[in-house]
Amino acid sequence: MTAIQWFFSFLKKYRLNLIIALVLVTISSGLTIINPYISGIIVDDVIKGDIRSYY
């Protein structure tokens, strides 16, 4: 038995929890990207001078 197989043998009963955690981390990372993207759009509009279109 290799070290990796030995390690994963302890994690078998936590498999569902690990899958859920991996999915949640992936979603969280994706949502973290949205904030700078929206901020960039706002800044680009101000630099272009389109700020008056918001009034």
N, C-alpha and C. Protein backbone atom coordinates (compact mmCIF):
# COMPACT_ATOMS: atom_id res chain seq x y z
N MET A 1 0.84 -1.17 0.00
CA MET A 1 0.00 0.00 0.00
C MET A 1 0.89 1.24 0.00
N THR A 2 0.63 2.10 -0.97
CA THR A 2 1.44 3.32 -1.04
C THR A 2 0.93 4.33 -0.02
N ALA A 3 1.69 5.37 0.17
CA ALA A 3 1.33 6.40 1.14
C ALA A 3 0.04 7.11 0.74
N ILE A 4 -0.16 7.32 -0.54
CA ILE A 4 -1.37 8.00 -1.01
C ILE A 4 -2.60 7.12 -0.78
N GLN A 5 -2.50 5.86 -1.08
CA GLN A 5 -3.62 4.95 -0.83
C GLN A 5 -3.92 4.87 0.66
N TRP A 6 -2.91 4.84 1.46
CA TRP A 6 -3.09 4.80 2.91
C TRP A 6 -3.80 6.06 3.39
N PHE A 7 -3.40 7.23 2.86
CA PHE A 7 -4.01 8.50 3.26
C PHE A 7 -5.47 8.54 2.83
N PHE A 8 -5.77 8.16 1.58
CA PHE A 8 -7.15 8.21 1.09
C PHE A 8 -8.04 7.16 1.76
N SER A 9 -7.47 6.13 2.32
CA SER A 9 -8.29 5.15 3.03
C SER A 9 -8.93 5.77 4.27
N PHE A 10 -8.30 6.77 4.85
CA PHE A 10 -8.88 7.47 6.00
C PHE A 10 -9.97 8.45 5.57
N LEU A 11 -9.92 8.89 4.33
CA LEU A 11 -10.86 9.91 3.86
C LEU A 11 -12.12 9.34 3.21
N LYS A 12 -12.24 8.03 3.11
CA LYS A 12 -13.39 7.43 2.43
C LYS A 12 -14.71 7.84 3.06
N LYS A 13 -14.78 7.90 4.37
CA LYS A 13 -16.05 8.23 5.00
C LYS A 13 -16.36 9.73 4.90
N TYR A 14 -15.41 10.54 4.47
CA TYR A 14 -15.62 11.98 4.31
C TYR A 14 -15.70 12.39 2.84
N ARG A 15 -15.89 11.44 1.96
CA ARG A 15 -15.87 11.70 0.51
C ARG A 15 -16.91 12.75 0.12
N LEU A 16 -18.14 12.63 0.59
CA LEU A 16 -19.19 13.58 0.23
C LEU A 16 -18.84 14.98 0.75
N ASN A 17 -18.34 15.07 1.96
CA ASN A 17 -17.95 16.37 2.51
C ASN A 17 -16.83 17.00 1.69
N LEU A 18 -15.89 16.20 1.24
CA LEU A 18 -14.79 16.72 0.43
C LEU A 18 -15.28 17.22 -0.92
N ILE A 19 -16.21 16.51 -1.52
CA ILE A 19 -16.76 16.93 -2.81
C ILE A 19 -17.53 18.24 -2.65
N ILE A 20 -18.34 18.34 -1.60
CA ILE A 20 -19.09 19.57 -1.35
C ILE A 20 -18.14 20.73 -1.10
N ALA A 21 -17.10 20.51 -0.33
CA ALA A 21 -16.13 21.57 -0.05
C ALA A 21 -15.43 22.02 -1.33
N LEU A 22 -15.08 21.08 -2.18
CA LEU A 22 -14.42 21.43 -3.45
C LEU A 22 -15.33 22.26 -4.34
N VAL A 23 -16.61 21.89 -4.41
CA VAL A 23 -17.57 22.65 -5.20
C VAL A 23 -17.74 24.05 -4.63
N LEU A 24 -17.86 24.18 -3.32
CA LEU A 24 -18.05 25.49 -2.70
C LEU A 24 -16.82 26.39 -2.87
N VAL A 25 -15.65 25.81 -2.79
CA VAL A 25 -14.42 26.60 -3.01
C VAL A 25 -14.35 27.09 -4.45
N THR A 26 -14.75 26.25 -5.39
CA THR A 26 -14.76 26.64 -6.79
C THR A 26 -15.75 27.78 -7.04
N ILE A 27 -16.93 27.69 -6.46
CA ILE A 27 -17.93 28.75 -6.60
C ILE A 27 -17.43 30.04 -5.96
N SER A 28 -16.84 29.93 -4.79
CA SER A 28 -16.33 31.11 -4.09
C SER A 28 -15.23 31.79 -4.91
N SER A 29 -14.36 31.02 -5.50
CA SER A 29 -13.30 31.59 -6.33
C SER A 29 -13.88 32.29 -7.56
N GLY A 30 -14.91 31.69 -8.14
CA GLY A 30 -15.55 32.32 -9.29
C GLY A 30 -16.22 33.62 -8.93
N LEU A 31 -16.87 33.67 -7.78
CA LEU A 31 -17.54 34.90 -7.35
C LEU A 31 -16.54 35.99 -6.98
N THR A 32 -15.36 35.62 -6.56
CA THR A 32 -14.33 36.59 -6.22
C THR A 32 -13.87 37.36 -7.46
N ILE A 33 -13.95 36.75 -8.62
CA ILE A 33 -13.52 37.39 -9.86
C ILE A 33 -14.52 38.46 -10.31
N ILE A 34 -15.78 38.34 -9.90
CA ILE A 34 -16.81 39.25 -10.38
C ILE A 34 -16.60 40.69 -9.91
N ASN A 35 -16.20 40.89 -8.66
CA ASN A 35 -16.04 42.23 -8.12
C ASN A 35 -15.04 43.07 -8.91
N PRO A 36 -13.81 42.61 -9.18
CA PRO A 36 -12.90 43.43 -9.97
C PRO A 36 -13.40 43.65 -11.40
N TYR A 37 -14.13 42.70 -11.94
CA TYR A 37 -14.66 42.85 -13.30
C TYR A 37 -15.67 44.00 -13.36
N ILE A 38 -16.59 44.04 -12.39
CA ILE A 38 -17.58 45.11 -12.36
C ILE A 38 -16.90 46.45 -12.09
N SER A 39 -15.93 46.48 -11.18
CA SER A 39 -15.20 47.71 -10.91
C SER A 39 -14.47 48.21 -12.15
N GLY A 40 -13.91 47.30 -12.91
CA GLY A 40 -13.23 47.68 -14.15
C GLY A 40 -14.18 48.29 -15.16
N ILE A 41 -15.37 47.74 -15.27
CA ILE A 41 -16.36 48.30 -16.19
C ILE A 41 -16.74 49.71 -15.77
N ILE A 42 -16.95 49.93 -14.48
CA ILE A 42 -17.30 51.26 -13.97
C ILE A 42 -16.17 52.25 -14.24
N VAL A 43 -14.94 51.87 -13.95
CA VAL A 43 -13.80 52.76 -14.16
C VAL A 43 -13.62 53.07 -15.64
N ASP A 44 -13.77 52.08 -16.49
CA ASP A 44 -13.64 52.31 -17.93
C ASP A 44 -14.70 53.28 -18.44
N ASP A 45 -15.91 53.19 -17.92
CA ASP A 45 -16.96 54.11 -18.34
C ASP A 45 -16.65 55.53 -17.90
N VAL A 46 -16.07 55.70 -16.71
CA VAL A 46 -15.72 57.04 -16.23
C VAL A 46 -14.58 57.61 -17.06
N ILE A 47 -13.61 56.80 -17.40
CA ILE A 47 -12.47 57.27 -18.20
C ILE A 47 -12.94 57.68 -19.59
N LYS A 48 -13.87 56.95 -20.16
CA LYS A 48 -14.39 57.28 -21.49
C LYS A 48 -15.26 58.53 -21.47
N GLY A 49 -15.73 58.93 -20.31
CA GLY A 49 -16.57 60.11 -20.20
C GLY A 49 -18.05 59.78 -20.31
N ASP A 50 -18.43 58.54 -20.14
CA ASP A 50 -19.83 58.15 -20.24
C ASP A 50 -20.56 58.28 -18.91
N ILE A 51 -19.96 59.00 -17.95
CA ILE A 51 -20.54 59.09 -16.63
C ILE A 51 -21.88 59.82 -16.66
N ARG A 52 -22.10 60.71 -17.58
CA ARG A 52 -23.35 61.47 -17.62
C ARG A 52 -24.52 60.61 -18.05
N SER A 53 -24.25 59.48 -18.67
CA SER A 53 -25.34 58.61 -19.08
C SER A 53 -25.99 57.93 -17.87
N TYR A 54 -25.38 58.01 -16.69
CA TYR A 54 -25.95 57.41 -15.50
C TYR A 54 -26.91 58.35 -14.77
N TYR A 55 -26.94 59.63 -15.15
CA TYR A 55 -27.81 60.60 -14.47
C TYR A 55 -29.15 60.67 -15.13
